[in-house]
Amino acid sequence: MSQPNPEHLTDQNDAPSTLRALLVRLGADPANLQADRQDAAEGQANLLQRILVEIEETILPRQLKVYFGQTKVATLRVCHRRLLSLDLVSETGPSEQTAQHSAPQIYAQRLRHLVATTQDTGFRITRQVCDTGVETESCSVAQLVDSLELQHQDSRLNGFLSMIRADVDAWVLQVEDASQHSSHGPAVLTRQLTELAGLDQISKQKRGQALKLPEKTPSYLVLSMSRETNVFIAWDQVETLLVAVPAQHLTTVSTVWHSVFSTQ
């Protein structure tokens, strides 16, 4: 594997402060380090921040494993302050189209999903020596942070939809005051979703409020379309998203929702 150039690892102007911060951390009172571990175990530490620090401080190839209690939930490979891979153990993680997303975008989505599933659960991170393997895609902490911020700033319902698209049968996305709305899926399903969205608009006109609680935004509601299919209705600001979700994928969709909106 080719070695990254030093300027790719950290800005030269920041090198002294970065080294100083690392030395301070390594020279910290063991009692403080134990307190940090205790905070993490009790769910009082920031998992995302802790993972980013681990990546930034790792030079030699290391495999990091994230545990919630005794359950392993993620495995990362890191080298030269770059994330080489990030795999979630859960099979209900977001589905990505790798051809349409860059490595930082994919890893950022997975990190958001991982953080959302903590629900204040205690965690711990272990480290062990590993091979770098065949490097395909990698990214720096700065690229991860940029992707996380872009996902935060973009239309959140669009971001949510992109993460669940592979797990749904049809969807309709409507924007207030827009002349056209987007949709995808079988005509029968998209028509049913559009009609349901129309009922939502009628409710607004007659009662001054939608099917949702007006003070709750963003928010979502799950309705049953049939034994096999549910309708997931989500509202955020001026957008309404209606999704036909197979019953077996409803848990995945709900989990992804919380990964996008729980920290907003």
Foldseek 3Di string as FASTA:
>chain_A
DDDDDPCQLDPPVCVVVVVVVVVCVVPDDVVVVVVVLVCLQQLNDQPVVVVLVVLSPAAAWKKKWKDQVPRTFWIWIHHSSKTQDIDGPDPLAFDADPVVDAPLLVVLSRSLLVSLVCPSGHMDMDMDHDDSPDGDHMGHSVSNVVNNVVCLPPDVVVSLCNRCVVQFAKKWKDFPPDPDTDIDHDPVVVVVQVVVVVQQVVCCVPVVHGPDDVVDPFDWDWADPDPQWIWIWTDHDRMIMITIGGPVSPVSSVSSVSSRPVVD
